[in-house]
Amino acid sequence: MLKAIYPGSFDPITNGHVDIIKRASAMVDVLVVGVCGNPNKHSLLTPDERVELIKEVTKEIDNVQVMRVEGMMGEFAVEIGAKLIVRGVRDINDFTNEFQRAIINKQLTGDVETIFLAASPENITLSSSSVKEILAFNGKLDMFVPAVVEAKLREKTGREG
């Protein structure tokens, strides 16, 4: 059984993340979507809110599990028996950052590999940060996030659509 983990802060989960989840889940027996904290980012949604939203938007994908990640990614991957870490990349800057993380994770774990999935063309410019910026200006979000995510963001911030 091949298990992979797709880690991220997912604050919030975007259509780009959902695309990577669908594509990666088709390649493995089990895909764990790992909700991580990021000490360098101010989170809009709590980790529990992010887990619930991801569960909701992936509920029709049978081999997807959603878990909170505590500690270092490589260690977590080993702990849950994942052999692959999946990372989505939008551009060369993403690749450079993710490549460095992949090398560190490989050094720490020994046998956990990282695979990179290129963002689909419609998601090249999409990021959670851009979604939050659009939300701050009360812009349209329906083309960037699933409806349930938009509803939660608007409820959380008091911004109407």
Protein backbone atom coordinates (compact mmCIF):
# COMPACT_ATOMS: atom_id res chain seq x y z
CA MET A 1 0.00 0.00 0.00
CA LEU A 2 1.43 3.35 -1.07
CA LYS A 3 0.65 6.21 1.30
CA ALA A 4 1.50 9.85 0.61
CA ILE A 5 1.07 13.07 2.51
CA TYR A 6 0.19 16.44 1.00
CA PRO A 7 1.10 18.98 3.68
CA GLY A 8 0.23 22.64 3.83
CA SER A 9 -1.26 25.38 5.94
CA PHE A 10 -4.41 25.45 3.76
CA ASP A 11 -5.46 28.83 5.19
CA PRO A 12 -7.77 28.61 3.33
CA ILE A 13 -7.87 25.60 1.03
CA THR A 14 -8.16 26.81 -2.58
CA ASN A 15 -9.27 25.26 -5.84
CA GLY A 16 -5.58 24.83 -6.61
CA HIS A 17 -5.12 22.71 -3.49
CA VAL A 18 -8.21 20.67 -4.37
CA ASP A 19 -6.79 20.06 -7.86
CA ILE A 20 -3.51 18.76 -6.40
CA ILE A 21 -5.44 16.55 -3.94
CA LYS A 22 -7.51 15.00 -6.74
CA ARG A 23 -4.48 14.38 -8.94
CA ALA A 24 -2.27 13.03 -6.15
CA SER A 25 -5.00 10.79 -4.72
CA ALA A 26 -5.27 9.09 -8.12
CA MET A 27 -1.60 8.06 -7.84
CA VAL A 28 -1.59 6.47 -4.39
CA ASP A 29 -3.63 4.14 -2.22
CA VAL A 30 -3.99 6.67 0.61
CA LEU A 31 -3.41 10.42 0.52
CA VAL A 32 -3.19 12.17 3.87
CA VAL A 33 -3.82 15.90 3.65
CA GLY A 34 -1.70 17.24 6.49
CA VAL A 35 -2.77 20.54 8.02
CA CYS A 36 0.34 22.28 9.30
CA GLY A 37 0.90 25.39 11.30
CA ASN A 38 3.18 28.02 9.84
CA PRO A 39 4.91 30.23 12.42
CA ASN A 40 5.70 32.76 9.67
CA LYS A 41 2.05 33.34 8.74
CA HIS A 42 -0.91 34.85 10.57
CA SER A 43 -3.73 32.33 10.22
CA LEU A 44 -7.29 33.39 9.47
CA LEU A 45 -8.78 29.96 10.20
CA THR A 46 -7.99 27.74 13.16
CA PRO A 47 -6.36 24.36 12.45
CA ASP A 48 -9.64 22.62 13.37
CA GLU A 49 -11.60 24.84 10.95
CA ARG A 50 -9.13 24.04 8.20
CA VAL A 51 -9.37 20.30 8.89
CA GLU A 52 -13.19 20.42 8.76
CA LEU A 53 -13.24 22.42 5.51
CA ILE A 54 -10.78 20.05 3.85
CA LYS A 55 -12.83 17.05 4.98
CA GLU A 56 -15.92 18.67 3.51
CA VAL A 57 -14.40 19.49 0.11
CA THR A 58 -12.72 16.06 -0.21
CA LYS A 59 -15.53 13.90 1.17
CA GLU A 60 -16.16 12.31 -2.25
CA ILE A 61 -12.55 11.18 -2.66
CA ASP A 62 -12.50 7.81 -0.90
CA ASN A 63 -8.77 7.48 -0.30
CA VAL A 64 -8.21 10.92 1.26
CA GLN A 65 -7.69 11.37 4.99
CA VAL A 66 -7.20 14.70 6.73
CA MET A 67 -4.96 15.08 9.78
CA ARG A 68 -3.29 17.83 11.77
CA VAL A 69 0.48 17.73 11.59
CA GLU A 70 2.34 18.30 14.81
CA GLY A 71 6.09 18.73 14.62
CA MET A 72 8.37 18.28 11.64
CA MET A 73 6.94 17.08 8.34
CA GLY A 74 9.52 14.37 7.69
CA GLU A 75 9.04 12.87 11.13
CA PHE A 76 5.27 12.99 10.73
CA ALA A 77 5.51 11.25 7.35
CA VAL A 78 7.55 8.42 8.90
CA GLU A 79 5.16 8.21 11.87
CA ILE A 80 2.10 7.65 9.64
CA GLY A 81 3.93 5.33 7.23
CA ALA A 82 3.94 7.70 4.25
CA LYS A 83 6.54 6.97 1.58
CA LEU A 84 5.87 10.15 -0.42
CA ILE A 85 5.46 13.83 0.31
CA VAL A 86 3.45 15.61 -2.39
CA ARG A 87 4.14 19.27 -3.09
CA GLY A 88 2.39 21.51 -5.59
CA VAL A 89 4.50 24.06 -7.41
CA ARG A 90 3.28 27.10 -9.35
CA ASP A 91 6.54 28.59 -10.52
CA ILE A 92 10.32 28.42 -10.23
CA ASN A 93 10.27 30.19 -6.86
CA ASP A 94 7.93 27.54 -5.43
CA PHE A 95 10.14 24.84 -6.91
CA THR A 96 13.31 26.31 -5.38
CA ASN A 97 11.74 26.49 -1.91
CA GLU A 98 10.14 23.06 -2.16
CA PHE A 99 13.32 21.48 -3.52
CA GLN A 100 15.24 22.72 -0.49
CA ARG A 101 12.58 21.29 1.84
CA ALA A 102 12.65 18.00 -0.05
CA ILE A 103 16.41 17.67 0.46
CA ILE A 104 16.09 18.39 4.19
CA ASN A 105 13.22 15.91 4.56
CA LYS A 106 15.23 13.28 2.69
CA GLN A 107 18.20 13.84 5.01
CA LEU A 108 15.96 13.59 8.07
CA THR A 109 13.93 10.55 7.00
CA GLY A 110 16.21 8.55 4.72
CA ASP A 111 13.49 6.88 2.70
CA VAL A 112 10.63 9.36 2.27
CA GLU A 113 10.65 10.85 -1.23
CA THR A 114 9.10 14.12 -2.39
CA ILE A 115 7.20 14.44 -5.65
CA PHE A 116 6.27 17.73 -7.26
CA LEU A 117 3.03 18.33 -9.14
CA ALA A 118 2.89 21.38 -11.36
CA ALA A 119 -0.13 23.58 -10.80
CA SER A 120 -2.79 23.40 -13.48
CA PRO A 121 -2.68 26.48 -15.74
CA GLU A 122 -5.84 27.98 -14.23
CA ASN A 123 -4.24 27.86 -10.77
CA ILE A 124 -0.77 29.24 -11.55
CA THR A 125 -1.43 32.58 -9.82
CA LEU A 126 -3.71 31.24 -7.08
CA SER A 127 -2.57 31.25 -3.45
CA SER A 128 -4.21 31.32 -0.05
CA SER A 129 -2.65 34.74 0.48
CA SER A 130 -4.28 36.12 -2.67
CA VAL A 131 -7.64 34.71 -1.56
CA LYS A 132 -7.31 36.52 1.78
CA GLU A 133 -6.39 39.74 0.01
CA ILE A 134 -9.41 39.49 -2.31
CA LEU A 135 -11.59 38.77 0.73
CA ALA A 136 -10.23 41.86 2.52
CA PHE A 137 -11.54 43.97 -0.38
CA ASN A 138 -14.82 42.01 -0.42
CA GLY A 139 -14.08 40.68 -3.90
CA LYS A 140 -15.51 37.65 -5.65
CA LEU A 141 -14.06 34.35 -4.44
CA ASP A 142 -16.18 31.76 -6.24
CA MET A 143 -13.56 31.09 -8.91
CA PHE A 144 -10.80 30.58 -6.33
CA VAL A 145 -12.28 28.50 -3.49
CA PRO A 146 -15.06 25.94 -3.05
CA ALA A 147 -18.44 27.43 -2.01
CA VAL A 148 -18.27 26.01 1.52
CA VAL A 149 -14.87 27.67 2.00
CA GLU A 150 -16.14 31.02 0.76
CA ALA A 151 -19.11 30.80 3.12
CA LYS A 152 -16.82 30.08 6.07
CA LEU A 153 -14.46 32.92 5.18
CA ARG A 154 -17.31 35.40 4.87
CA GLU A 155 -18.85 34.20 8.15
CA LYS A 156 -15.50 34.42 9.92
CA THR A 157 -14.69 37.93 8.66
CA GLY A 158 -18.18 39.42 8.42
CA ARG A 159 -17.58 40.27 4.76
CA GLU A 160 -20.59 39.77 2.54
CA GLY A 161 -20.30 38.43 -0.98
